[in-house]
Full PDB file with SEQRES, HELIX, SHEET, SSBOND, CRYST1, ORIGX, SCALE, CONECT and MASTER records, all heavy atoms in Angstrom:
SEQRES   1 A   38  SER LEU ILE ARG GLN ILE PRO ASN GLU PHE GLY ALA LEU          
SEQRES   2 A   38  VAL ILE LEU VAL ASP HIS ASP MET ASP LEU VAL SER THR          
SEQRES   3 A   38  VAL CYS GLY THR THR ALA VAL LEU ASP PHE GLY HIS              
HELIX    1 AA1 LEU A    2  PHE A   10  1                                   9    
HELIX    2 AA2 MET A   21  VAL A   27  1                                   7    
CRYST1    1.000    1.000    1.000  90.00  90.00  90.00 P 1           1          
ORIGX1      1.000000  0.000000  0.000000        0.00000                         
ORIGX2      0.000000  1.000000  0.000000        0.00000                         
ORIGX3      0.000000  0.000000  1.000000        0.00000                         
SCALE1      1.000000  0.000000  0.000000        0.00000                         
SCALE2      0.000000  1.000000  0.000000        0.00000                         
SCALE3      0.000000  0.000000  1.000000        0.00000                         
ATOM      1  N   SER A   1      92.746  55.893  48.134  1.00  0.00           N  
ATOM      2  CA  SER A   1      91.340  55.715  48.494  1.00  0.00           C  
ATOM      3  C   SER A   1      90.865  56.823  49.424  1.00  0.00           C  
ATOM      4  O   SER A   1      89.758  57.367  49.254  1.00  0.00           O  
ATOM      5  CB  SER A   1      91.142  54.345  49.141  1.00  0.00           C  
ATOM      6  OG  SER A   1      89.801  54.168  49.560  1.00  0.00           O  
ATOM      7  N   LEU A   2      91.677  57.182  50.400  1.00  0.00           N  
ATOM      8  CA  LEU A   2      91.299  58.234  51.346  1.00  0.00           C  
ATOM      9  C   LEU A   2      91.199  59.597  50.658  1.00  0.00           C  
ATOM     10  O   LEU A   2      90.236  60.340  50.877  1.00  0.00           O  
ATOM     11  CB  LEU A   2      92.313  58.299  52.487  1.00  0.00           C  
ATOM     12  CG  LEU A   2      92.273  57.166  53.505  1.00  0.00           C  
ATOM     13  CD1 LEU A   2      93.438  57.308  54.479  1.00  0.00           C  
ATOM     14  CD2 LEU A   2      90.945  57.151  54.255  1.00  0.00           C  
ATOM     15  N   ILE A   3      92.209  59.931  49.850  1.00  0.00           N  
ATOM     16  CA  ILE A   3      92.202  61.235  49.184  1.00  0.00           C  
ATOM     17  C   ILE A   3      90.972  61.382  48.306  1.00  0.00           C  
ATOM     18  O   ILE A   3      90.333  62.439  48.279  1.00  0.00           O  
ATOM     19  CB  ILE A   3      93.496  61.425  48.366  1.00  0.00           C  
ATOM     20  CG1 ILE A   3      94.712  61.488  49.301  1.00  0.00           C  
ATOM     21  CG2 ILE A   3      93.421  62.697  47.515  1.00  0.00           C  
ATOM     22  CD1 ILE A   3      96.045  61.492  48.580  1.00  0.00           C  
ATOM     23  N   ARG A   4      90.631  60.323  47.596  1.00  0.00           N  
ATOM     24  CA  ARG A   4      89.453  60.363  46.734  1.00  0.00           C  
ATOM     25  C   ARG A   4      88.172  60.637  47.516  1.00  0.00           C  
ATOM     26  O   ARG A   4      87.234  61.248  47.001  1.00  0.00           O  
ATOM     27  CB  ARG A   4      89.320  59.038  45.985  1.00  0.00           C  
ATOM     28  CG  ARG A   4      90.222  58.881  44.787  1.00  0.00           C  
ATOM     29  CD  ARG A   4      90.083  57.502  44.214  1.00  0.00           C  
ATOM     30  NE  ARG A   4      90.540  57.396  42.843  1.00  0.00           N  
ATOM     31  CZ  ARG A   4      90.683  56.257  42.188  1.00  0.00           C  
ATOM     32  NH1 ARG A   4      90.405  55.110  42.810  1.00  0.00           N  
ATOM     33  NH2 ARG A   4      91.092  56.242  40.945  1.00  0.00           N  
ATOM     34  N   GLN A   5      88.115  60.155  48.753  1.00  0.00           N  
ATOM     35  CA  GLN A   5      86.894  60.276  49.534  1.00  0.00           C  
ATOM     36  C   GLN A   5      86.717  61.632  50.210  1.00  0.00           C  
ATOM     37  O   GLN A   5      85.605  61.977  50.616  1.00  0.00           O  
ATOM     38  CB  GLN A   5      86.866  59.187  50.609  1.00  0.00           C  
ATOM     39  CG  GLN A   5      86.745  57.773  50.089  1.00  0.00           C  
ATOM     40  CD  GLN A   5      86.796  56.763  51.223  1.00  0.00           C  
ATOM     41  OE1 GLN A   5      85.923  56.735  52.082  1.00  0.00           O  
ATOM     42  NE2 GLN A   5      87.843  55.946  51.226  1.00  0.00           N  
ATOM     43  N   ILE A   6      87.797  62.397  50.373  1.00  0.00           N  
ATOM     44  CA  ILE A   6      87.721  63.647  51.127  1.00  0.00           C  
ATOM     45  C   ILE A   6      86.677  64.610  50.570  1.00  0.00           C  
ATOM     46  O   ILE A   6      85.864  65.157  51.333  1.00  0.00           O  
ATOM     47  CB  ILE A   6      89.115  64.315  51.212  1.00  0.00           C  
ATOM     48  CG1 ILE A   6      90.036  63.487  52.109  1.00  0.00           C  
ATOM     49  CG2 ILE A   6      89.009  65.746  51.751  1.00  0.00           C  
ATOM     50  CD1 ILE A   6      91.473  63.975  52.144  1.00  0.00           C  
ATOM     51  N   PRO A   7      86.635  64.870  49.250  1.00  0.00           N  
ATOM     52  CA  PRO A   7      85.631  65.820  48.747  1.00  0.00           C  
ATOM     53  C   PRO A   7      84.200  65.403  49.053  1.00  0.00           C  
ATOM     54  O   PRO A   7      83.385  66.235  49.487  1.00  0.00           O  
ATOM     55  CB  PRO A   7      85.909  65.858  47.240  1.00  0.00           C  
ATOM     56  CG  PRO A   7      87.344  65.487  47.120  1.00  0.00           C  
ATOM     57  CD  PRO A   7      87.564  64.445  48.173  1.00  0.00           C  
ATOM     58  N   ASN A   8      83.860  64.156  48.844  1.00  0.00           N  
ATOM     59  CA  ASN A   8      82.493  63.714  49.091  1.00  0.00           C  
ATOM     60  C   ASN A   8      82.171  63.633  50.576  1.00  0.00           C  
ATOM     61  O   ASN A   8      81.059  63.950  51.005  1.00  0.00           O  
ATOM     62  CB  ASN A   8      82.260  62.342  48.445  1.00  0.00           C  
ATOM     63  CG  ASN A   8      82.170  62.419  46.941  1.00  0.00           C  
ATOM     64  OD1 ASN A   8      81.824  63.453  46.373  1.00  0.00           O  
ATOM     65  ND2 ASN A   8      82.510  61.337  46.269  1.00  0.00           N  
ATOM     66  N   GLU A   9      83.151  63.196  51.371  1.00  0.00           N  
ATOM     67  CA  GLU A   9      82.916  63.002  52.803  1.00  0.00           C  
ATOM     68  C   GLU A   9      82.883  64.317  53.570  1.00  0.00           C  
ATOM     69  O   GLU A   9      82.095  64.493  54.500  1.00  0.00           O  
ATOM     70  CB  GLU A   9      84.003  62.095  53.377  1.00  0.00           C  
ATOM     71  CG  GLU A   9      83.803  61.711  54.827  1.00  0.00           C  
ATOM     72  CD  GLU A   9      82.683  60.717  55.043  1.00  0.00           C  
ATOM     73  OE1 GLU A   9      82.291  60.042  54.055  1.00  0.00           O  
ATOM     74  OE2 GLU A   9      82.201  60.610  56.188  1.00  0.00           O  
ATOM     75  N   PHE A  10      83.727  65.277  53.154  1.00  0.00           N  
ATOM     76  CA  PHE A  10      83.869  66.516  53.926  1.00  0.00           C  
ATOM     77  C   PHE A  10      83.547  67.772  53.119  1.00  0.00           C  
ATOM     78  O   PHE A  10      83.523  68.866  53.686  1.00  0.00           O  
ATOM     79  CB  PHE A  10      85.285  66.615  54.497  1.00  0.00           C  
ATOM     80  CG  PHE A  10      85.623  65.520  55.462  1.00  0.00           C  
ATOM     81  CD1 PHE A  10      86.261  64.367  55.018  1.00  0.00           C  
ATOM     82  CD2 PHE A  10      85.283  65.623  56.798  1.00  0.00           C  
ATOM     83  CE1 PHE A  10      86.572  63.338  55.900  1.00  0.00           C  
ATOM     84  CE2 PHE A  10      85.595  64.601  57.692  1.00  0.00           C  
ATOM     85  CZ  PHE A  10      86.228  63.448  57.238  1.00  0.00           C  
ATOM     86  N   GLY A  11      83.337  67.639  51.817  1.00  0.00           N  
ATOM     87  CA  GLY A  11      83.010  68.798  50.993  1.00  0.00           C  
ATOM     88  C   GLY A  11      84.174  69.723  50.737  1.00  0.00           C  
ATOM     89  O   GLY A  11      83.979  70.888  50.383  1.00  0.00           O  
ATOM     90  N   ALA A  12      85.406  69.225  50.896  1.00  0.00           N  
ATOM     91  CA  ALA A  12      86.589  70.069  50.744  1.00  0.00           C  
ATOM     92  C   ALA A  12      87.232  69.875  49.375  1.00  0.00           C  
ATOM     93  O   ALA A  12      87.252  68.771  48.836  1.00  0.00           O  
ATOM     94  CB  ALA A  12      87.612  69.750  51.837  1.00  0.00           C  
ATOM     95  N   LEU A  13      87.774  70.963  48.835  1.00  0.00           N  
ATOM     96  CA  LEU A  13      88.608  70.897  47.642  1.00  0.00           C  
ATOM     97  C   LEU A  13      90.002  70.466  48.067  1.00  0.00           C  
ATOM     98  O   LEU A  13      90.559  71.002  49.038  1.00  0.00           O  
ATOM     99  CB  LEU A  13      88.667  72.264  46.964  1.00  0.00           C  
ATOM    100  CG  LEU A  13      89.602  72.415  45.757  1.00  0.00           C  
ATOM    101  CD1 LEU A  13      89.081  71.599  44.579  1.00  0.00           C  
ATOM    102  CD2 LEU A  13      89.752  73.878  45.363  1.00  0.00           C  
ATOM    103  N   VAL A  14      90.577  69.502  47.368  1.00  0.00           N  
ATOM    104  CA  VAL A  14      91.902  68.992  47.689  1.00  0.00           C  
ATOM    105  C   VAL A  14      92.880  69.382  46.584  1.00  0.00           C  
ATOM    106  O   VAL A  14      92.585  69.208  45.397  1.00  0.00           O  
ATOM    107  CB  VAL A  14      91.893  67.456  47.839  1.00  0.00           C  
ATOM    108  CG1 VAL A  14      93.307  66.940  48.133  1.00  0.00           C  
ATOM    109  CG2 VAL A  14      90.923  67.024  48.938  1.00  0.00           C  
ATOM    110  N   ILE A  15      94.039  69.919  46.974  1.00  0.00           N  
ATOM    111  CA  ILE A  15      95.127  70.185  46.036  1.00  0.00           C  
ATOM    112  C   ILE A  15      96.310  69.329  46.457  1.00  0.00           C  
ATOM    113  O   ILE A  15      96.759  69.389  47.600  1.00  0.00           O  
ATOM    114  CB  ILE A  15      95.520  71.668  45.993  1.00  0.00           C  
ATOM    115  CG1 ILE A  15      94.304  72.528  45.627  1.00  0.00           C  
ATOM    116  CG2 ILE A  15      96.639  71.901  44.981  1.00  0.00           C  
ATOM    117  CD1 ILE A  15      94.578  74.016  45.642  1.00  0.00           C  
ATOM    118  N   LEU A  16      96.803  68.546  45.522  1.00  0.00           N  
ATOM    119  CA  LEU A  16      97.848  67.562  45.797  1.00  0.00           C  
ATOM    120  C   LEU A  16      99.133  67.922  45.068  1.00  0.00           C  
ATOM    121  O   LEU A  16      99.133  68.116  43.851  1.00  0.00           O  
ATOM    122  CB  LEU A  16      97.370  66.180  45.345  1.00  0.00           C  
ATOM    123  CG  LEU A  16      98.389  65.044  45.308  1.00  0.00           C  
ATOM    124  CD1 LEU A  16      98.799  64.654  46.727  1.00  0.00           C  
ATOM    125  CD2 LEU A  16      97.822  63.838  44.563  1.00  0.00           C  
ATOM    126  N   VAL A  17     100.230  68.020  45.815  1.00  0.00           N  
ATOM    127  CA  VAL A  17     101.573  68.129  45.247  1.00  0.00           C  
ATOM    128  C   VAL A  17     102.274  66.801  45.473  1.00  0.00           C  
ATOM    129  O   VAL A  17     102.348  66.321  46.607  1.00  0.00           O  
ATOM    130  CB  VAL A  17     102.376  69.267  45.904  1.00  0.00           C  
ATOM    131  CG1 VAL A  17     103.861  69.130  45.571  1.00  0.00           C  
ATOM    132  CG2 VAL A  17     101.875  70.630  45.453  1.00  0.00           C  
ATOM    133  N   ASP A  18     102.758  66.183  44.417  1.00  0.00           N  
ATOM    134  CA  ASP A  18     103.484  64.928  44.560  1.00  0.00           C  
ATOM    135  C   ASP A  18     104.300  64.681  43.305  1.00  0.00           C  
ATOM    136  O   ASP A  18     103.902  65.093  42.205  1.00  0.00           O  
ATOM    137  CB  ASP A  18     102.526  63.758  44.797  1.00  0.00           C  
ATOM    138  CG  ASP A  18     103.151  62.672  45.655  1.00  0.00           C  
ATOM    139  OD1 ASP A  18     104.054  61.962  45.148  1.00  0.00           O  
ATOM    140  OD2 ASP A  18     102.760  62.527  46.822  1.00  0.00           O  
ATOM    141  N   HIS A  19     105.438  63.984  43.467  1.00  0.00           N  
ATOM    142  CA  HIS A  19     106.264  63.614  42.320  1.00  0.00           C  
ATOM    143  C   HIS A  19     105.851  62.270  41.739  1.00  0.00           C  
ATOM    144  O   HIS A  19     106.372  61.874  40.690  1.00  0.00           O  
ATOM    145  CB  HIS A  19     107.745  63.566  42.729  1.00  0.00           C  
ATOM    146  CG  HIS A  19     108.354  64.924  42.917  1.00  0.00           C  
ATOM    147  ND1 HIS A  19     108.526  65.812  41.879  1.00  0.00           N  
ATOM    148  CD2 HIS A  19     108.823  65.555  44.022  1.00  0.00           C  
ATOM    149  CE1 HIS A  19     109.079  66.914  42.326  1.00  0.00           C  
ATOM    150  NE2 HIS A  19     109.264  66.782  43.625  1.00  0.00           N  
ATOM    151  N   ASP A  20     104.951  61.569  42.405  1.00  0.00           N  
ATOM    152  CA  ASP A  20     104.466  60.279  41.920  1.00  0.00           C  
ATOM    153  C   ASP A  20     103.359  60.539  40.899  1.00  0.00           C  
ATOM    154  O   ASP A  20     102.214  60.813  41.245  1.00  0.00           O  
ATOM    155  CB  ASP A  20     103.942  59.450  43.092  1.00  0.00           C  
ATOM    156  CG  ASP A  20     103.501  58.052  42.680  1.00  0.00           C  
ATOM    157  OD1 ASP A  20     103.287  57.816  41.466  1.00  0.00           O  
ATOM    158  OD2 ASP A  20     103.339  57.200  43.571  1.00  0.00           O  
ATOM    159  N   MET A  21     103.704  60.459  39.618  1.00  0.00           N  
ATOM    160  CA  MET A  21     102.745  60.789  38.586  1.00  0.00           C  
ATOM    161  C   MET A  21     101.617  59.762  38.486  1.00  0.00           C  
ATOM    162  O   MET A  21     100.507  60.094  38.055  1.00  0.00           O  
ATOM    163  CB  MET A  21     103.450  60.930  37.222  1.00  0.00           C  
ATOM    164  CG  MET A  21     104.362  62.130  37.128  1.00  0.00           C  
ATOM    165  SD  MET A  21     103.488  63.709  37.421  1.00  0.00           S  
ATOM    166  CE  MET A  21     104.022  64.083  39.106  1.00  0.00           C  
ATOM    167  N   ASP A  22     101.875  58.534  38.924  1.00  0.00           N  
ATOM    168  CA  ASP A  22     100.791  57.555  38.973  1.00  0.00           C  
ATOM    169  C   ASP A  22      99.747  57.982  39.992  1.00  0.00           C  
ATOM    170  O   ASP A  22      98.539  57.876  39.751  1.00  0.00           O  
ATOM    171  CB  ASP A  22     101.335  56.162  39.325  1.00  0.00           C  
ATOM    172  CG  ASP A  22     102.115  55.541  38.181  1.00  0.00           C  
ATOM    173  OD1 ASP A  22     101.853  55.909  37.013  1.00  0.00           O  
ATOM    174  OD2 ASP A  22     102.982  54.697  38.448  1.00  0.00           O  
ATOM    175  N   LEU A  23     100.213  58.458  41.137  1.00  0.00           N  
ATOM    176  CA  LEU A  23      99.298  58.954  42.162  1.00  0.00           C  
ATOM    177  C   LEU A  23      98.507  60.147  41.655  1.00  0.00           C  
ATOM    178  O   LEU A  23      97.285  60.210  41.787  1.00  0.00           O  
ATOM    179  CB  LEU A  23     100.092  59.332  43.420  1.00  0.00           C  
ATOM    180  CG  LEU A  23      99.335  60.006  44.562  1.00  0.00           C  
ATOM    181  CD1 LEU A  23      98.208  59.123  45.062  1.00  0.00           C  
ATOM    182  CD2 LEU A  23     100.290  60.348  45.702  1.00  0.00           C  
ATOM    183  N   VAL A  24      99.200  61.107  41.046  1.00  0.00           N  
ATOM    184  CA  VAL A  24      98.529  62.313  40.533  1.00  0.00           C  
ATOM    185  C   VAL A  24      97.505  61.947  39.465  1.00  0.00           C  
ATOM    186  O   VAL A  24      96.365  62.422  39.482  1.00  0.00           O  
ATOM    187  CB  VAL A  24      99.573  63.308  39.975  1.00  0.00           C  
ATOM    188  CG1 VAL A  24      98.884  64.469  39.258  1.00  0.00           C  
ATOM    189  CG2 VAL A  24     100.462  63.829  41.102  1.00  0.00           C  
ATOM    190  N   SER A  25      97.896  61.098  38.523  1.00  0.00           N  
ATOM    191  CA  SER A  25      96.992  60.757  37.420  1.00  0.00           C  
ATOM    192  C   SER A  25      95.795  59.951  37.894  1.00  0.00           C  
ATOM    193  O   SER A  25      94.724  60.005  37.288  1.00  0.00           O  
ATOM    194  CB  SER A  25      97.747  59.982  36.333  1.00  0.00           C  
ATOM    195  OG  SER A  25      98.251  58.763  36.841  1.00  0.00           O  
ATOM    196  N   THR A  26      95.950  59.226  39.007  1.00  0.00           N  
ATOM    197  CA  THR A  26      94.860  58.404  39.519  1.00  0.00           C  
ATOM    198  C   THR A  26      93.814  59.227  40.250  1.00  0.00           C  
ATOM    199  O   THR A  26      92.611  58.961  40.133  1.00  0.00           O  
ATOM    200  CB  THR A  26      95.402  57.310  40.458  1.00  0.00           C  
ATOM    201  OG1 THR A  26      96.297  56.473  39.725  1.00  0.00           O  
ATOM    202  CG2 THR A  26      94.280  56.451  41.013  1.00  0.00           C  
ATOM    203  N   VAL A  27      94.226  60.246  41.013  1.00  0.00           N  
ATOM    204  CA  VAL A  27      93.275  60.938  41.894  1.00  0.00           C  
ATOM    205  C   VAL A  27      92.890  62.341  41.435  1.00  0.00           C  
ATOM    206  O   VAL A  27      91.881  62.874  41.921  1.00  0.00           O  
ATOM    207  CB  VAL A  27      93.815  61.011  43.337  1.00  0.00           C  
ATOM    208  CG1 VAL A  27      94.072  59.632  43.888  1.00  0.00           C  
ATOM    209  CG2 VAL A  27      95.054  61.878  43.432  1.00  0.00           C  
ATOM    210  N   CYS A  28      93.649  62.946  40.522  1.00  0.00           N  
ATOM    211  CA  CYS A  28      93.419  64.362  40.198  1.00  0.00           C  
ATOM    212  C   CYS A  28      92.632  64.532  38.899  1.00  0.00           C  
ATOM    213  O   CYS A  28      93.015  63.998  37.856  1.00  0.00           O  
ATOM    214  CB  CYS A  28      94.751  65.104  40.082  1.00  0.00           C  
ATOM    215  SG  CYS A  28      95.719  65.095  41.609  1.00  0.00           S  
ATOM    216  N   GLY A  29      91.565  65.305  38.957  1.00  0.00           N  
ATOM    217  CA  GLY A  29      90.795  65.607  37.760  1.00  0.00           C  
ATOM    218  C   GLY A  29      91.429  66.699  36.928  1.00  0.00           C  
ATOM    219  O   GLY A  29      91.445  66.654  35.701  1.00  0.00           O  
ATOM    220  N   THR A  30      91.961  67.715  37.615  1.00  0.00           N  
ATOM    221  CA  THR A  30      92.655  68.832  36.973  1.00  0.00           C  
ATOM    222  C   THR A  30      94.069  68.903  37.506  1.00  0.00           C  
ATOM    223  O   THR A  30      94.289  68.678  38.703  1.00  0.00           O  
ATOM    224  CB  THR A  30      91.943  70.166  37.267  1.00  0.00           C  
ATOM    225  OG1 THR A  30      90.624  70.143  36.713  1.00  0.00           O  
ATOM    226  CG2 THR A  30      92.710  71.351  36.691  1.00  0.00           C  
ATOM    227  N   THR A  31      95.030  69.201  36.644  1.00  0.00           N  
ATOM    228  CA  THR A  31      96.418  69.344  37.082  1.00  0.00           C  
ATOM    229  C   THR A  31      97.041  70.572  36.431  1.00  0.00           C  
ATOM    230  O   THR A  31      96.816  70.842  35.251  1.00  0.00           O  
ATOM    231  CB  THR A  31      97.250  68.087  36.743  1.00  0.00           C  
ATOM    232  OG1 THR A  31      96.774  66.988  37.534  1.00  0.00           O  
ATOM    233  CG2 THR A  31      98.727  68.296  37.039  1.00  0.00           C  
ATOM    234  N   ALA A  32      97.810  71.313  37.245  1.00  0.00           N  
ATOM    235  CA  ALA A  32      98.593  72.440  36.745  1.00  0.00           C  
ATOM    236  C   ALA A  32     100.067  72.109  36.880  1.00  0.00           C  
ATOM    237  O   ALA A  32     100.483  71.433  37.823  1.00  0.00           O  
ATOM    238  CB  ALA A  32      98.273  73.710  37.527  1.00  0.00           C  
ATOM    239  N   VAL A  33     100.858  72.586  35.919  1.00  0.00           N  
ATOM    240  CA  VAL A  33     102.309  72.385  35.941  1.00  0.00           C  
ATOM    241  C   VAL A  33     102.983  73.734  36.119  1.00  0.00           C  
ATOM    242  O   VAL A  33     102.724  74.678  35.364  1.00  0.00           O  
ATOM    243  CB  VAL A  33     102.813  71.725  34.641  1.00  0.00           C  
ATOM    244  CG1 VAL A  33     104.312  71.486  34.716  1.00  0.00           C  
ATOM    245  CG2 VAL A  33     102.073  70.417  34.374  1.00  0.00           C  
ATOM    246  N   LEU A  34     103.851  73.823  37.140  1.00  0.00           N  
ATOM    247  CA  LEU A  34     104.645  75.021  37.369  1.00  0.00           C  
ATOM    248  C   LEU A  34     106.079  74.771  36.945  1.00  0.00           C  
ATOM    249  O   LEU A  34     106.607  73.663  37.103  1.00  0.00           O  
ATOM    250  CB  LEU A  34     104.643  75.402  38.855  1.00  0.00           C  
ATOM    251  CG  LEU A  34     103.383  76.014  39.458  1.00  0.00           C  
ATOM    252  CD1 LEU A  34     103.594  76.264  40.948  1.00  0.00           C  
ATOM    253  CD2 LEU A  34     103.005  77.310  38.754  1.00  0.00           C  
ATOM    254  N   ASP A  35     106.716  75.812  36.424  1.00  0.00           N  
ATOM    255  CA  ASP A  35     108.141  75.754  36.138  1.00  0.00           C  
ATOM    256  C   ASP A  35     108.712  77.153  36.288  1.00  0.00           C  
ATOM    257  O   ASP A  35     108.215  78.105  35.672  1.00  0.00           O  
ATOM    258  CB  ASP A  35     108.401  75.221  34.736  1.00  0.00           C  
ATOM    259  CG  ASP A  35     109.889  74.999  34.489  1.00  0.00           C  
ATOM    260  OD1 ASP A  35     110.542  74.368  35.345  1.00  0.00           O  
ATOM    261  OD2 ASP A  35     110.399  75.454  33.457  1.00  0.00           O  
ATOM    262  N   PHE A  36     109.734  77.286  37.136  1.00  0.00           N  
ATOM    263  CA  PHE A  36     110.350  78.583  37.410  1.00  0.00           C  
ATOM    264  C   PHE A  36     109.304  79.639  37.754  1.00  0.00           C  
ATOM    265  O   PHE A  36     109.389  80.784  37.310  1.00  0.00           O  
ATOM    266  CB  PHE A  36     111.210  79.035  36.231  1.00  0.00           C  
ATOM    267  CG  PHE A  36     112.428  78.174  36.013  1.00  0.00           C  
ATOM    268  CD1 PHE A  36     112.492  77.312  34.923  1.00  0.00           C  
ATOM    269  CD2 PHE A  36     113.500  78.218  36.893  1.00  0.00           C  
ATOM    270  CE1 PHE A  36     113.604  76.502  34.723  1.00  0.00           C  
ATOM    271  CE2 PHE A  36     114.620  77.414  36.692  1.00  0.00           C  
ATOM    272  CZ  PHE A  36     114.670  76.561  35.613  1.00  0.00           C  
ATOM    273  N   GLY A  37     108.315  79.246  38.544  1.00  0.00           N  
ATOM    274  CA  GLY A  37     107.325  80.193  39.032  1.00  0.00           C  
ATOM    275  C   GLY A  37     106.223  80.537  38.066  1.00  0.00           C  
ATOM    276  O   GLY A  37     105.375  81.378  38.374  1.00  0.00           O  
ATOM    277  N   HIS A  38     106.191  79.903  36.898  1.00  0.00           N  
ATOM    278  CA  HIS A  38     105.166  80.178  35.898  1.00  0.00           C  
ATOM    279  C   HIS A  38     104.290  78.947  35.676  1.00  0.00           C  
ATOM    280  O   HIS A  38     104.775  77.811  35.720  1.00  0.00           O  
ATOM    281  CB  HIS A  38     105.798  80.574  34.559  1.00  0.00           C  
ATOM    282  CG  HIS A  38     106.593  81.837  34.606  1.00  0.00           C  
ATOM    283  ND1 HIS A  38     106.024  83.073  34.474  1.00  0.00           N  
ATOM    284  CD2 HIS A  38     107.940  82.046  34.782  1.00  0.00           C  
ATOM    285  CE1 HIS A  38     106.965  84.003  34.549  1.00  0.00           C  
ATOM    286  NE2 HIS A  38     108.128  83.403  34.742  1.00  0.00           N  
TER     287      HIS A  38                                                      
MASTER        0    0    0    2    0    0    0    6  286    1    0    3          
END                                                                             
């Protein structure tokens, strides 16, 4: 709930790193996947 509110409340872009894919899929509109630096 807090992470979702940060952009509207403060106007900041948020980038989230997490291994919890439920968390990522719930709050992130765009996602990038890195592997071996690519």
